[in-house]
């Protein structure tokens, strides 16, 4: 397993990032204790329990964790048929 640091975000969540100061994600999270993109903050402000949000699982989980916190555990699942067909272009997951 790659060495990592567990960092605290401003919203109280913790996230694991590579223990590498040359990694731009590690540097941004260390500096800001959050993710800097305005879209991230915008989506987290809109999220509320009952809203369905897919998790594309494309990074370190910063957006997924923040959205899950805002949704209070009431959001879409990654393995749902709607998510799968949206991102894979077919209705069924492979067996």
PDB file of N, CA and C in Angstrom:
ATOM      1  N   UNK A   1       0.842  -1.182   0.000  1.00  0.00           N
ATOM      2  CA  UNK A   1       0.000   0.000   0.000  1.00  0.00           C
ATOM      3  C   UNK A   1       0.887   1.245   0.000  1.00  0.00           C
ATOM      4  N   UNK A   2       0.490   2.222  -0.785  1.00  0.00           N
ATOM      5  CA  UNK A   2       1.243   3.467  -0.898  1.00  0.00           C
ATOM      6  C   UNK A   2       1.125   4.271   0.410  1.00  0.00           C
ATOM      7  N   UNK A   3       2.216   4.871   0.870  1.00  0.00           N
ATOM      8  CA  UNK A   3       2.135   5.702   2.079  1.00  0.00           C
ATOM      9  C   UNK A   3       1.146   6.853   1.873  1.00  0.00           C
ATOM     10  N   UNK A   4       0.385   7.158   2.921  1.00  0.00           N
ATOM     11  CA  UNK A   4      -0.596   8.231   2.807  1.00  0.00           C
ATOM     12  C   UNK A   4      -0.673   9.029   4.104  1.00  0.00           C
ATOM     13  N   UNK A   5      -1.256  10.197   4.000  1.00  0.00           N
ATOM     14  CA  UNK A   5      -1.554  11.029   5.159  1.00  0.00           C
ATOM     15  C   UNK A   5      -3.062  11.146   5.253  1.00  0.00           C
ATOM     16  N   UNK A   6      -3.592  11.142   6.444  1.00  0.00           N
ATOM     17  CA  UNK A   6      -5.000  11.408   6.675  1.00  0.00           C
ATOM     18  C   UNK A   6      -5.113  12.865   7.097  1.00  0.00           C
ATOM     19  N   UNK A   7      -5.809  13.656   6.270  1.00  0.00           N
ATOM     20  CA  UNK A   7      -5.935  15.090   6.514  1.00  0.00           C
ATOM     21  C   UNK A   7      -7.360  15.442   6.925  1.00  0.00           C
ATOM     22  N   UNK A   8      -7.486  16.437   7.773  1.00  0.00           N
ATOM     23  CA  UNK A   8      -8.790  16.930   8.208  1.00  0.00           C
ATOM     24  C   UNK A   8      -9.242  18.053   7.285  1.00  0.00           C
ATOM     25  N   UNK A   9     -10.490  17.974   6.827  1.00  0.00           N
ATOM     26  CA  UNK A   9     -11.070  19.024   6.008  1.00  0.00           C
ATOM     27  C   UNK A   9     -11.825  20.016   6.894  1.00  0.00           C
ATOM     28  N   UNK A  10     -12.103  21.203   6.369  1.00  0.00           N
ATOM     29  CA  UNK A  10     -12.831  22.234   7.124  1.00  0.00           C
ATOM     30  C   UNK A  10     -14.212  21.761   7.569  1.00  0.00           C
ATOM     31  N   UNK A  11     -14.818  20.873   6.792  1.00  0.00           N
ATOM     32  CA  UNK A  11     -16.178  20.423   7.101  1.00  0.00           C
ATOM     33  C   UNK A  11     -16.206  19.273   8.114  1.00  0.00           C
ATOM     34  N   UNK A  12     -15.048  18.931   8.684  1.00  0.00           N
ATOM     35  CA  UNK A  12     -14.975  17.900   9.702  1.00  0.00           C
ATOM     36  C   UNK A  12     -14.668  16.503   9.182  1.00  0.00           C
ATOM     37  N   UNK A  13     -14.659  16.336   7.875  1.00  0.00           N
ATOM     38  CA  UNK A  13     -14.345  15.034   7.285  1.00  0.00           C
ATOM     39  C   UNK A  13     -12.838  14.815   7.260  1.00  0.00           C
ATOM     40  N   UNK A  14     -12.446  13.562   7.117  1.00  0.00           N
ATOM     41  CA  UNK A  14     -11.038  13.199   6.960  1.00  0.00           C
ATOM     42  C   UNK A  14     -10.882  12.509   5.603  1.00  0.00           C
ATOM     43  N   UNK A  15      -9.751  12.755   4.952  1.00  0.00           N
ATOM     44  CA  UNK A  15      -9.494  12.154   3.651  1.00  0.00           C
ATOM     45  C   UNK A  15      -8.040  11.697   3.602  1.00  0.00           C
ATOM     46  N   UNK A  16      -7.816  10.557   2.957  1.00  0.00           N
ATOM     47  CA  UNK A  16      -6.458  10.054   2.753  1.00  0.00           C
ATOM     48  C   UNK A  16      -5.913  10.573   1.433  1.00  0.00           C
ATOM     49  N   UNK A  17      -4.715  11.104   1.475  1.00  0.00           N
ATOM     50  CA  UNK A  17      -4.033  11.584   0.269  1.00  0.00           C
ATOM     51  C   UNK A  17      -2.628  10.992   0.262  1.00  0.00           C
ATOM     52  N   UNK A  18      -2.012  10.904  -0.919  1.00  0.00           N
ATOM     53  CA  UNK A  18      -0.640  10.381  -0.978  1.00  0.00           C
ATOM     54  C   UNK A  18       0.306  11.215  -0.110  1.00  0.00           C
ATOM     55  N   UNK A  19       1.198  10.556   0.592  1.00  0.00           N
ATOM     56  CA  UNK A  19       2.205  11.240   1.405  1.00  0.00           C
ATOM     57  C   UNK A  19       3.328  11.715   0.493  1.00  0.00           C
ATOM     58  N   UNK A  20       2.989  12.706  -0.336  1.00  0.00           N
ATOM     59  CA  UNK A  20       3.902  13.159  -1.385  1.00  0.00           C
ATOM     60  C   UNK A  20       3.659  14.644  -1.629  1.00  0.00           C
ATOM     61  N   UNK A  21       4.607  15.483  -1.262  1.00  0.00           N
ATOM     62  CA  UNK A  21       4.435  16.921  -1.442  1.00  0.00           C
ATOM     63  C   UNK A  21       4.555  17.354  -2.900  1.00  0.00           C
ATOM     64  N   UNK A  22       4.905  16.443  -3.798  1.00  0.00           N
ATOM     65  CA  UNK A  22       4.896  16.748  -5.227  1.00  0.00           C
ATOM     66  C   UNK A  22       3.527  16.475  -5.844  1.00  0.00           C
ATOM     67  N   UNK A  23       2.612  15.878  -5.090  1.00  0.00           N
ATOM     68  CA  UNK A  23       1.272  15.578  -5.585  1.00  0.00           C
ATOM     69  C   UNK A  23       0.406  16.834  -5.438  1.00  0.00           C
ATOM     70  N   UNK A  24      -0.192  17.339  -6.539  1.00  0.00           N
ATOM     71  CA  UNK A  24      -0.965  18.584  -6.463  1.00  0.00           C
ATOM     72  C   UNK A  24      -2.215  18.474  -5.581  1.00  0.00           C
ATOM     73  N   UNK A  25      -2.830  17.300  -5.515  1.00  0.00           N
ATOM     74  CA  UNK A  25      -4.002  17.141  -4.646  1.00  0.00           C
ATOM     75  C   UNK A  25      -3.575  17.255  -3.185  1.00  0.00           C
ATOM     76  N   UNK A  26      -2.510  16.581  -2.824  1.00  0.00           N
ATOM     77  CA  UNK A  26      -2.002  16.657  -1.457  1.00  0.00           C
ATOM     78  C   UNK A  26      -1.699  18.103  -1.078  1.00  0.00           C
ATOM     79  N   UNK A  27      -1.028  18.823  -1.962  1.00  0.00           N
ATOM     80  CA  UNK A  27      -0.672  20.214  -1.663  1.00  0.00           C
ATOM     81  C   UNK A  27      -1.899  21.094  -1.471  1.00  0.00           C
ATOM     82  N   UNK A  28      -2.898  20.965  -2.357  1.00  0.00           N
ATOM     83  CA  UNK A  28      -4.110  21.793  -2.253  1.00  0.00           C
ATOM     84  C   UNK A  28      -4.884  21.508  -0.977  1.00  0.00           C
ATOM     85  N   UNK A  29      -5.023  20.225  -0.645  1.00  0.00           N
ATOM     86  CA  UNK A  29      -5.784  19.873   0.557  1.00  0.00           C
ATOM     87  C   UNK A  29      -5.025  20.315   1.814  1.00  0.00           C
ATOM     88  N   UNK A  30      -3.708  20.175   1.817  1.00  0.00           N
ATOM     89  CA  UNK A  30      -2.917  20.671   2.949  1.00  0.00           C
ATOM     90  C   UNK A  30      -3.084  22.180   3.118  1.00  0.00           C
ATOM     91  N   UNK A  31      -3.060  22.905   2.008  1.00  0.00           N
ATOM     92  CA  UNK A  31      -3.128  24.363   2.043  1.00  0.00           C
ATOM     93  C   UNK A  31      -4.517  24.876   2.414  1.00  0.00           C
ATOM     94  N   UNK A  32      -5.557  24.310   1.791  1.00  0.00           N
ATOM     95  CA  UNK A  32      -6.905  24.867   1.917  1.00  0.00           C
ATOM     96  C   UNK A  32      -7.830  24.097   2.856  1.00  0.00           C
ATOM     97  N   UNK A  33      -7.464  22.878   3.194  1.00  0.00           N
ATOM     98  CA  UNK A  33      -8.320  21.985   3.981  1.00  0.00           C
ATOM     99  C   UNK A  33      -9.684  21.805   3.317  1.00  0.00           C
ATOM    100  N   UNK A  34      -9.696  21.853   2.000  1.00  0.00           N
ATOM    101  CA  UNK A  34     -10.904  21.677   1.193  1.00  0.00           C
ATOM    102  C   UNK A  34     -10.468  21.548  -0.256  1.00  0.00           C
ATOM    103  N   UNK A  35     -11.434  21.318  -1.157  1.00  0.00           N
ATOM    104  CA  UNK A  35     -11.129  21.254  -2.576  1.00  0.00           C
ATOM    105  C   UNK A  35     -11.417  22.613  -3.191  1.00  0.00           C
ATOM    106  N   UNK A  36     -10.500  23.178  -4.008  1.00  0.00           N
ATOM    107  CA  UNK A  36     -10.599  24.572  -4.430  1.00  0.00           C
ATOM    108  C   UNK A  36     -11.579  24.876  -5.566  1.00  0.00           C
ATOM    109  N   UNK A  37     -12.079  23.895  -6.271  1.00  0.00           N
ATOM    110  CA  UNK A  37     -12.917  24.186  -7.431  1.00  0.00           C
ATOM    111  C   UNK A  37     -14.284  24.740  -6.997  1.00  0.00           C
ATOM    112  N   UNK A  38     -14.728  25.835  -7.613  1.00  0.00           N
ATOM    113  CA  UNK A  38     -16.014  26.426  -7.222  1.00  0.00           C
ATOM    114  C   UNK A  38     -17.202  25.483  -7.445  1.00  0.00           C
ATOM    115  N   UNK A  39     -17.078  24.590  -8.425  1.00  0.00           N
ATOM    116  CA  UNK A  39     -18.158  23.633  -8.681  1.00  0.00           C
ATOM    117  C   UNK A  39     -18.374  22.713  -7.487  1.00  0.00           C
ATOM    118  N   UNK A  40     -17.302  22.369  -6.801  1.00  0.00           N
ATOM    119  CA  UNK A  40     -17.389  21.501  -5.627  1.00  0.00           C
ATOM    120  C   UNK A  40     -18.224  22.177  -4.542  1.00  0.00           C
ATOM    121  N   UNK A  41     -17.901  23.416  -4.214  1.00  0.00           N
ATOM    122  CA  UNK A  41     -18.647  24.155  -3.188  1.00  0.00           C
ATOM    123  C   UNK A  41     -20.100  24.358  -3.611  1.00  0.00           C
ATOM    124  N   UNK A  42     -20.322  24.665  -4.885  1.00  0.00           N
ATOM    125  CA  UNK A  42     -21.677  24.875  -5.404  1.00  0.00           C
ATOM    126  C   UNK A  42     -22.529  23.614  -5.247  1.00  0.00           C
ATOM    127  N   UNK A  43     -21.985  22.475  -5.643  1.00  0.00           N
ATOM    128  CA  UNK A  43     -22.736  21.217  -5.532  1.00  0.00           C
ATOM    129  C   UNK A  43     -23.022  20.866  -4.080  1.00  0.00           C
ATOM    130  N   UNK A  44     -22.068  21.102  -3.206  1.00  0.00           N
ATOM    131  CA  UNK A  44     -22.277  20.801  -1.788  1.00  0.00           C
ATOM    132  C   UNK A  44     -23.338  21.709  -1.177  1.00  0.00           C
ATOM    133  N   UNK A  45     -23.424  22.953  -1.651  1.00  0.00           N
ATOM    134  CA  UNK A  45     -24.463  23.863  -1.155  1.00  0.00           C
ATOM    135  C   UNK A  45     -25.847  23.431  -1.631  1.00  0.00           C
ATOM    136  N   UNK A  46     -25.945  22.901  -2.851  1.00  0.00           N
ATOM    137  CA  UNK A  46     -27.237  22.465  -3.388  1.00  0.00           C
ATOM    138  C   UNK A  46     -27.707  21.136  -2.809  1.00  0.00           C
ATOM    139  N   UNK A  47     -26.769  20.299  -2.416  1.00  0.00           N
ATOM    140  CA  UNK A  47     -27.106  18.951  -1.951  1.00  0.00           C
ATOM    141  C   UNK A  47     -27.922  19.015  -0.666  1.00  0.00           C
ATOM    142  N   UNK A  48     -28.958  18.197  -0.636  1.00  0.00           N
ATOM    143  CA  UNK A  48     -29.795  18.096   0.548  1.00  0.00           C
ATOM    144  C   UNK A  48     -30.355  16.684   0.605  1.00  0.00           C
ATOM    145  N   UNK A  49     -30.722  16.222   1.787  1.00  0.00           N
ATOM    146  CA  UNK A  49     -31.236  14.854   1.899  1.00  0.00           C
ATOM    147  C   UNK A  49     -32.370  14.597   0.905  1.00  0.00           C
ATOM    148  N   UNK A  50     -32.315  13.440   0.267  1.00  0.00           N
ATOM    149  CA  UNK A  50     -33.315  13.052  -0.720  1.00  0.00           C
ATOM    150  C   UNK A  50     -32.892  13.306  -2.154  1.00  0.00           C
ATOM    151  N   UNK A  51     -31.927  14.199  -2.382  1.00  0.00           N
ATOM    152  CA  UNK A  51     -31.415  14.461  -3.726  1.00  0.00           C
ATOM    153  C   UNK A  51     -30.570  13.274  -4.156  1.00  0.00           C
ATOM    154  N   UNK A  52     -30.711  12.850  -5.396  1.00  0.00           N
ATOM    155  CA  UNK A  52     -29.933  11.709  -5.893  1.00  0.00           C
ATOM    156  C   UNK A  52     -28.688  12.215  -6.607  1.00  0.00           C
ATOM    157  N   UNK A  53     -27.540  11.755  -6.159  1.00  0.00           N
ATOM    158  CA  UNK A  53     -26.257  12.191  -6.700  1.00  0.00           C
ATOM    159  C   UNK A  53     -25.414  10.966  -7.014  1.00  0.00           C
ATOM    160  N   UNK A  54     -24.986  10.787  -8.263  1.00  0.00           N
ATOM    161  CA  UNK A  54     -24.114   9.647  -8.576  1.00  0.00           C
ATOM    162  C   UNK A  54     -22.680   9.924  -8.152  1.00  0.00           C
ATOM    163  N   UNK A  55     -21.976   8.892  -7.799  1.00  0.00           N
ATOM    164  CA  UNK A  55     -20.556   8.987  -7.467  1.00  0.00           C
ATOM    165  C   UNK A  55     -19.783   8.282  -8.569  1.00  0.00           C
ATOM    166  N   UNK A  56     -19.032   9.049  -9.349  1.00  0.00           N
ATOM    167  CA  UNK A  56     -18.293   8.476 -10.474  1.00  0.00           C
ATOM    168  C   UNK A  56     -16.974   7.838 -10.039  1.00  0.00           C
ATOM    169  N   UNK A  57     -16.593   7.990  -8.794  1.00  0.00           N
ATOM    170  CA  UNK A  57     -15.393   7.346  -8.252  1.00  0.00           C
ATOM    171  C   UNK A  57     -14.166   7.644  -9.107  1.00  0.00           C
ATOM    172  N   UNK A  58     -13.839   8.936  -9.258  1.00  0.00           N
ATOM    173  CA  UNK A  58     -12.753   9.327 -10.143  1.00  0.00           C
ATOM    174  C   UNK A  58     -11.523   9.874  -9.448  1.00  0.00           C
ATOM    175  N   UNK A  59     -11.509   9.903  -8.128  1.00  0.00           N
ATOM    176  CA  UNK A  59     -10.354  10.511  -7.473  1.00  0.00           C
ATOM    177  C   UNK A  59     -10.166  10.019  -6.060  1.00  0.00           C
ATOM    178  N   UNK A  60      -9.908  10.957  -5.174  1.00  0.00           N
ATOM    179  CA  UNK A  60      -9.591  10.630  -3.786  1.00  0.00           C
ATOM    180  C   UNK A  60     -10.824  10.612  -2.884  1.00  0.00           C
ATOM    181  N   UNK A  61     -11.986  10.926  -3.415  1.00  0.00           N
ATOM    182  CA  UNK A  61     -13.212  10.875  -2.626  1.00  0.00           C
ATOM    183  C   UNK A  61     -13.593  12.188  -1.973  1.00  0.00           C
ATOM    184  N   UNK A  62     -12.904  13.281  -2.300  1.00  0.00           N
ATOM    185  CA  UNK A  62     -13.216  14.562  -1.675  1.00  0.00           C
ATOM    186  C   UNK A  62     -14.649  14.991  -1.959  1.00  0.00           C
ATOM    187  N   UNK A  63     -15.068  14.924  -3.205  1.00  0.00           N
ATOM    188  CA  UNK A  63     -16.438  15.316  -3.553  1.00  0.00           C
ATOM    189  C   UNK A  63     -17.449  14.321  -3.010  1.00  0.00           C
ATOM    190  N   UNK A  64     -17.163  13.047  -3.162  1.00  0.00           N
ATOM    191  CA  UNK A  64     -18.093  12.020  -2.697  1.00  0.00           C
ATOM    192  C   UNK A  64     -18.329  12.125  -1.196  1.00  0.00           C
ATOM    193  N   UNK A  65     -17.273  12.320  -0.423  1.00  0.00           N
ATOM    194  CA  UNK A  65     -17.418  12.437   1.023  1.00  0.00           C
ATOM    195  C   UNK A  65     -18.211  13.677   1.405  1.00  0.00           C
ATOM    196  N   UNK A  66     -17.910  14.802   0.770  1.00  0.00           N
ATOM    197  CA  UNK A  66     -18.612  16.047   1.080  1.00  0.00           C
ATOM    198  C   UNK A  66     -20.086  15.969   0.701  1.00  0.00           C
ATOM    199  N   UNK A  67     -20.364  15.395  -0.466  1.00  0.00           N
ATOM    200  CA  UNK A  67     -21.763  15.244  -0.886  1.00  0.00           C
ATOM    201  C   UNK A  67     -22.504  14.257   0.006  1.00  0.00           C
ATOM    202  N   UNK A  68     -21.862  13.174   0.379  1.00  0.00           N
ATOM    203  CA  UNK A  68     -22.502  12.203   1.272  1.00  0.00           C
ATOM    204  C   UNK A  68     -22.833  12.849   2.610  1.00  0.00           C
ATOM    205  N   UNK A  69     -21.955  13.700   3.093  1.00  0.00           N
ATOM    206  CA  UNK A  69     -22.223  14.402   4.340  1.00  0.00           C
ATOM    207  C   UNK A  69     -23.436  15.325   4.183  1.00  0.00           C
ATOM    208  N   UNK A  70     -23.496  16.072   3.079  1.00  0.00           N
ATOM    209  CA  UNK A  70     -24.621  16.986   2.842  1.00  0.00           C
ATOM    210  C   UNK A  70     -25.935  16.224   2.653  1.00  0.00           C
ATOM    211  N   UNK A  71     -25.863  15.049   2.023  1.00  0.00           N
ATOM    212  CA  UNK A  71     -27.061  14.245   1.776  1.00  0.00           C
ATOM    213  C   UNK A  71     -27.481  13.429   2.998  1.00  0.00           C
ATOM    214  N   UNK A  72     -26.652  13.416   4.005  1.00  0.00           N
ATOM    215  CA  UNK A  72     -26.921  12.667   5.235  1.00  0.00           C
ATOM    216  C   UNK A  72     -27.251  11.204   4.949  1.00  0.00           C
ATOM    217  N   UNK A  73     -26.501  10.621   3.991  1.00  0.00           N
ATOM    218  CA  UNK A  73     -26.654   9.207   3.678  1.00  0.00           C
ATOM    219  C   UNK A  73     -27.851   8.871   2.807  1.00  0.00           C
ATOM    220  N   UNK A  74     -28.522   9.875   2.242  1.00  0.00           N
ATOM    221  CA  UNK A  74     -29.712   9.621   1.424  1.00  0.00           C
ATOM    222  C   UNK A  74     -29.468  10.052  -0.017  1.00  0.00           C
ATOM    223  N   UNK A  75     -28.622   9.319  -0.753  1.00  0.00           N
ATOM    224  CA  UNK A  75     -28.306   9.658  -2.134  1.00  0.00           C
ATOM    225  C   UNK A  75     -28.264   8.430  -2.998  1.00  0.00           C
ATOM    226  N   UNK A  76     -27.801   8.593  -4.225  1.00  0.00           N
ATOM    227  CA  UNK A  76     -27.719   7.478  -5.158  1.00  0.00           C
ATOM    228  C   UNK A  76     -26.565   6.548  -4.812  1.00  0.00           C
ATOM    229  N   UNK A  77     -26.701   5.295  -5.197  1.00  0.00           N
ATOM    230  CA  UNK A  77     -25.629   4.327  -5.011  1.00  0.00           C
ATOM    231  C   UNK A  77     -24.882   4.161  -6.327  1.00  0.00           C
ATOM    232  N   UNK A  78     -23.596   3.921  -6.215  1.00  0.00           N
ATOM    233  CA  UNK A  78     -22.786   3.734  -7.415  1.00  0.00           C
ATOM    234  C   UNK A  78     -23.214   2.519  -8.207  1.00  0.00           C
ATOM    235  N   UNK A  79     -23.732   1.503  -7.562  1.00  0.00           N
ATOM    236  CA  UNK A  79     -24.110   0.290  -8.278  1.00  0.00           C
ATOM    237  C   UNK A  79     -25.573   0.290  -8.704  1.00  0.00           C
ATOM    238  N   UNK A  80     -26.223   1.444  -8.660  1.00  0.00           N
ATOM    239  CA  UNK A  80     -27.623   1.495  -9.079  1.00  0.00           C
ATOM    240  C   UNK A  80     -27.707   1.339 -10.599  1.00  0.00           C
ATOM    241  N   UNK A  81     -28.804   0.754 -11.129  1.00  0.00           N
ATOM    242  CA  UNK A  81     -28.946   0.584 -12.582  1.00  0.00           C
ATOM    243  C   UNK A  81     -28.897   1.905 -13.340  1.00  0.00           C
ATOM    244  N   UNK A  82     -29.442   2.973 -12.760  1.00  0.00           N
ATOM    245  CA  UNK A  82     -29.437   4.270 -13.449  1.00  0.00           C
ATOM    246  C   UNK A  82     -28.001   4.761 -13.607  1.00  0.00           C
ATOM    247  N   UNK A  83     -27.216   4.694 -12.540  1.00  0.00           N
ATOM    248  CA  UNK A  83     -25.824   5.130 -12.623  1.00  0.00           C
ATOM    249  C   UNK A  83     -25.076   4.289 -13.635  1.00  0.00           C
ATOM    250  N   UNK A  84     -25.253   2.986 -13.563  1.00  0.00           N
ATOM    251  CA  UNK A  84     -24.492   2.094 -14.432  1.00  0.00           C
ATOM    252  C   UNK A  84     -24.794   2.361 -15.898  1.00  0.00           C
ATOM    253  N   UNK A  85     -26.078   2.480 -16.257  1.00  0.00           N
ATOM    254  CA  UNK A  85     -26.419   2.714 -17.666  1.00  0.00           C
ATOM    255  C   UNK A  85     -25.968   4.095 -18.121  1.00  0.00           C
ATOM    256  N   UNK A  86     -25.997   5.082 -17.234  1.00  0.00           N
ATOM    257  CA  UNK A  86     -25.563   6.429 -17.602  1.00  0.00           C
ATOM    258  C   UNK A  86     -24.084   6.466 -17.950  1.00  0.00           C
ATOM    259  N   UNK A  87     -23.272   5.754 -17.181  1.00  0.00           N
ATOM    260  CA  UNK A  87     -21.828   5.842 -17.359  1.00  0.00           C
ATOM    261  C   UNK A  87     -21.250   4.750 -18.242  1.00  0.00           C
ATOM    262  N   UNK A  88     -22.001   3.672 -18.475  1.00  0.00           N
ATOM    263  CA  UNK A  88     -21.463   2.573 -19.255  1.00  0.00           C
ATOM    264  C   UNK A  88     -22.225   2.326 -20.563  1.00  0.00           C
ATOM    265  N   UNK A  89     -23.359   2.982 -20.762  1.00  0.00           N
ATOM    266  CA  UNK A  89     -24.096   2.874 -22.004  1.00  0.00           C
ATOM    267  C   UNK A  89     -24.815   1.534 -22.204  1.00  0.00           C
ATOM    268  N   UNK A  90     -25.008   0.793 -21.135  1.00  0.00           N
ATOM    269  CA  UNK A  90     -25.788  -0.450 -21.232  1.00  0.00           C
ATOM    270  C   UNK A  90     -26.541  -0.633 -19.915  1.00  0.00           C
ATOM    271  N   UNK A  91     -27.579  -1.457 -19.948  1.00  0.00           N
ATOM    272  CA  UNK A  91     -28.488  -1.568 -18.807  1.00  0.00           C
ATOM    273  C   UNK A  91     -28.007  -2.486 -17.697  1.00  0.00           C
ATOM    274  N   UNK A  92     -27.214  -3.474 -18.009  1.00  0.00           N
ATOM    275  CA  UNK A  92     -26.845  -4.469 -17.000  1.00  0.00           C
ATOM    276  C   UNK A  92     -25.361  -4.475 -16.732  1.00  0.00           C
ATOM    277  N   UNK A  93     -25.014  -4.674 -15.465  1.00  0.00           N
ATOM    278  CA  UNK A  93     -23.617  -4.833 -15.097  1.00  0.00           C
ATOM    279  C   UNK A  93     -23.153  -6.205 -15.569  1.00  0.00           C
ATOM    280  N   UNK A  94     -21.886  -6.335 -15.931  1.00  0.00           N
ATOM    281  CA  UNK A  94     -21.381  -7.668 -16.314  1.00  0.00           C
ATOM    282  C   UNK A  94     -21.437  -8.611 -15.126  1.00  0.00           C
ATOM    283  N   UNK A  95     -21.642  -9.892 -15.395  1.00  0.00           N
ATOM    284  CA  UNK A  95     -21.731 -10.879 -14.314  1.00  0.00           C
ATOM    285  C   UNK A  95     -20.390 -11.178 -13.733  1.00  0.00           C
TER     286      UNK A  95
END
